Amino acid sequence: MRNRLTSCLVVLGLMLMMSMPSPAFERHPNIEAALQALHQAKEELNHAAHDFGGHRVDALHAIDEAERQLRICMQY
């Protein structure tokens, strides 16, 4: 239950962030595209029927870290 709530809050936060126009989008369209691709991959993993041999959780953590790093990049 807690994981599901956390996932929902993360998705909601990402949706809010993605709905706001980003001034960095024009400067970094490839990074913005990468963020969208990561978001889609995360959705696929969250709704997958299995855990990919125990690697789903690690992949989700890696996506979170990659998103964090890309958002930092967008500031420059």
C-alpha atoms as a PDB file:
ATOM      1  CA  MET A   1       0.000   0.000   0.000  1.00  0.00           C
ATOM      2  CA  ARG A   2       2.777   2.404   0.942  1.00  0.00           C
ATOM      3  CA  ASN A   3       4.712   1.699  -2.282  1.00  0.00           C
ATOM      4  CA  ARG A   4       1.595   2.283  -4.348  1.00  0.00           C
ATOM      5  CA  LEU A   5       0.909   5.589  -2.586  1.00  0.00           C
ATOM      6  CA  THR A   6       4.512   6.677  -3.045  1.00  0.00           C
ATOM      7  CA  SER A   7       4.370   5.755  -6.726  1.00  0.00           C
ATOM      8  CA  CYS A   8       1.154   7.693  -7.167  1.00  0.00           C
ATOM      9  CA  LEU A   9       2.642  10.754  -5.504  1.00  0.00           C
ATOM     10  CA  VAL A  10       5.758  10.554  -7.673  1.00  0.00           C
ATOM     11  CA  VAL A  11       3.659  10.274 -10.824  1.00  0.00           C
ATOM     12  CA  LEU A  12       1.468  13.175  -9.722  1.00  0.00           C
ATOM     13  CA  GLY A  13       4.543  15.308  -9.034  1.00  0.00           C
ATOM     14  CA  LEU A  14       6.011  14.446 -12.423  1.00  0.00           C
ATOM     15  CA  MET A  15       2.724  15.251 -14.138  1.00  0.00           C
ATOM     16  CA  LEU A  16       2.634  18.642 -12.443  1.00  0.00           C
ATOM     17  CA  MET A  17       6.234  19.354 -13.359  1.00  0.00           C
ATOM     18  CA  MET A  18       5.679  18.274 -16.948  1.00  0.00           C
ATOM     19  CA  SER A  19       2.540  20.393 -17.302  1.00  0.00           C
ATOM     20  CA  MET A  20       4.433  23.573 -16.459  1.00  0.00           C
ATOM     21  CA  PRO A  21       6.238  25.181 -19.368  1.00  0.00           C
ATOM     22  CA  SER A  22       9.939  24.775 -18.904  1.00  0.00           C
ATOM     23  CA  PRO A  23      12.235  27.558 -20.090  1.00  0.00           C
ATOM     24  CA  ALA A  24      14.979  24.945 -20.300  1.00  0.00           C
ATOM     25  CA  PHE A  25      12.956  22.933 -22.825  1.00  0.00           C
ATOM     26  CA  GLU A  26      13.940  25.206 -25.680  1.00  0.00           C
ATOM     27  CA  ARG A  27      17.589  25.051 -24.639  1.00  0.00           C
ATOM     28  CA  HIS A  28      17.675  21.306 -23.924  1.00  0.00           C
ATOM     29  CA  PRO A  29      15.080  19.475 -26.046  1.00  0.00           C
ATOM     30  CA  ASN A  30      17.042  16.193 -25.975  1.00  0.00           C
ATOM     31  CA  ILE A  31      17.187  16.200 -22.184  1.00  0.00           C
ATOM     32  CA  GLU A  32      13.451  16.914 -22.038  1.00  0.00           C
ATOM     33  CA  ALA A  33      12.870  13.982 -24.418  1.00  0.00           C
ATOM     34  CA  ALA A  34      15.033  11.762 -22.204  1.00  0.00           C
ATOM     35  CA  LEU A  35      12.965  12.742 -19.163  1.00  0.00           C
ATOM     36  CA  GLN A  36       9.781  11.818 -20.990  1.00  0.00           C
ATOM     37  CA  ALA A  37      11.264   8.473 -22.059  1.00  0.00           C
ATOM     38  CA  LEU A  38      12.307   7.752 -18.468  1.00  0.00           C
ATOM     39  CA  HIS A  39       8.807   8.599 -17.287  1.00  0.00           C
ATOM     40  CA  GLN A  40       7.321   6.159 -19.798  1.00  0.00           C
ATOM     41  CA  ALA A  41       9.780   3.438 -18.807  1.00  0.00           C
ATOM     42  CA  LYS A  42       8.928   3.968 -15.160  1.00  0.00           C
ATOM     43  CA  GLU A  43       5.228   3.638 -15.914  1.00  0.00           C
ATOM     44  CA  GLU A  44       5.877   0.384 -17.774  1.00  0.00           C
ATOM     45  CA  LEU A  45       7.879  -1.004 -14.857  1.00  0.00           C
ATOM     46  CA  ASN A  46       5.293   0.086 -12.302  1.00  0.00           C
ATOM     47  CA  HIS A  47       2.527  -1.698 -14.197  1.00  0.00           C
ATOM     48  CA  ALA A  48       4.507  -4.781 -15.223  1.00  0.00           C
ATOM     49  CA  ALA A  49       3.131  -8.184 -14.337  1.00  0.00           C
ATOM     50  CA  HIS A  50       6.458  -9.440 -12.983  1.00  0.00           C
ATOM     51  CA  ASP A  51       9.624  -8.134 -11.323  1.00  0.00           C
ATOM     52  CA  PHE A  52      12.122  -8.947 -14.108  1.00  0.00           C
ATOM     53  CA  GLY A  53      14.107 -11.384 -12.024  1.00  0.00           C
ATOM     54  CA  GLY A  54      14.246  -9.005  -9.080  1.00  0.00           C
ATOM     55  CA  HIS A  55      15.638  -6.114 -11.102  1.00  0.00           C
ATOM     56  CA  ARG A  56      12.502  -3.957 -11.295  1.00  0.00           C
ATOM     57  CA  VAL A  57      13.122  -2.214  -7.972  1.00  0.00           C
ATOM     58  CA  ASP A  58      16.740  -1.437  -8.889  1.00  0.00           C
ATOM     59  CA  ALA A  59      15.646  -0.149 -12.287  1.00  0.00           C
ATOM     60  CA  LEU A  60      13.067   2.145 -10.686  1.00  0.00           C
ATOM     61  CA  HIS A  61      15.708   3.560  -8.351  1.00  0.00           C
ATOM     62  CA  ALA A  62      18.054   4.086 -11.301  1.00  0.00           C
ATOM     63  CA  ILE A  63      15.310   5.924 -13.201  1.00  0.00           C
ATOM     64  CA  ASP A  64      14.686   8.184 -10.199  1.00  0.00           C
ATOM     65  CA  GLU A  65      18.386   9.017 -10.003  1.00  0.00           C
ATOM     66  CA  ALA A  66      18.639   9.602 -13.751  1.00  0.00           C
ATOM     67  CA  GLU A  67      15.643  11.945 -13.622  1.00  0.00           C
ATOM     68  CA  ARG A  68      17.222  13.834 -10.726  1.00  0.00           C
ATOM     69  CA  GLN A  69      20.495  14.244 -12.591  1.00  0.00           C
ATOM     70  CA  LEU A  70      18.775  15.361 -15.795  1.00  0.00           C
ATOM     71  CA  ARG A  71      16.745  17.967 -13.914  1.00  0.00           C
ATOM     72  CA  ILE A  72      19.999  19.334 -12.533  1.00  0.00           C
ATOM     73  CA  CYS A  73      21.379  19.447 -16.083  1.00  0.00           C
ATOM     74  CA  MET A  74      18.323  21.408 -17.212  1.00  0.00           C
ATOM     75  CA  GLN A  75      19.374  24.256 -14.921  1.00  0.00           C
ATOM     76  CA  TYR A  76      22.420  24.997 -17.053  1.00  0.00           C
END
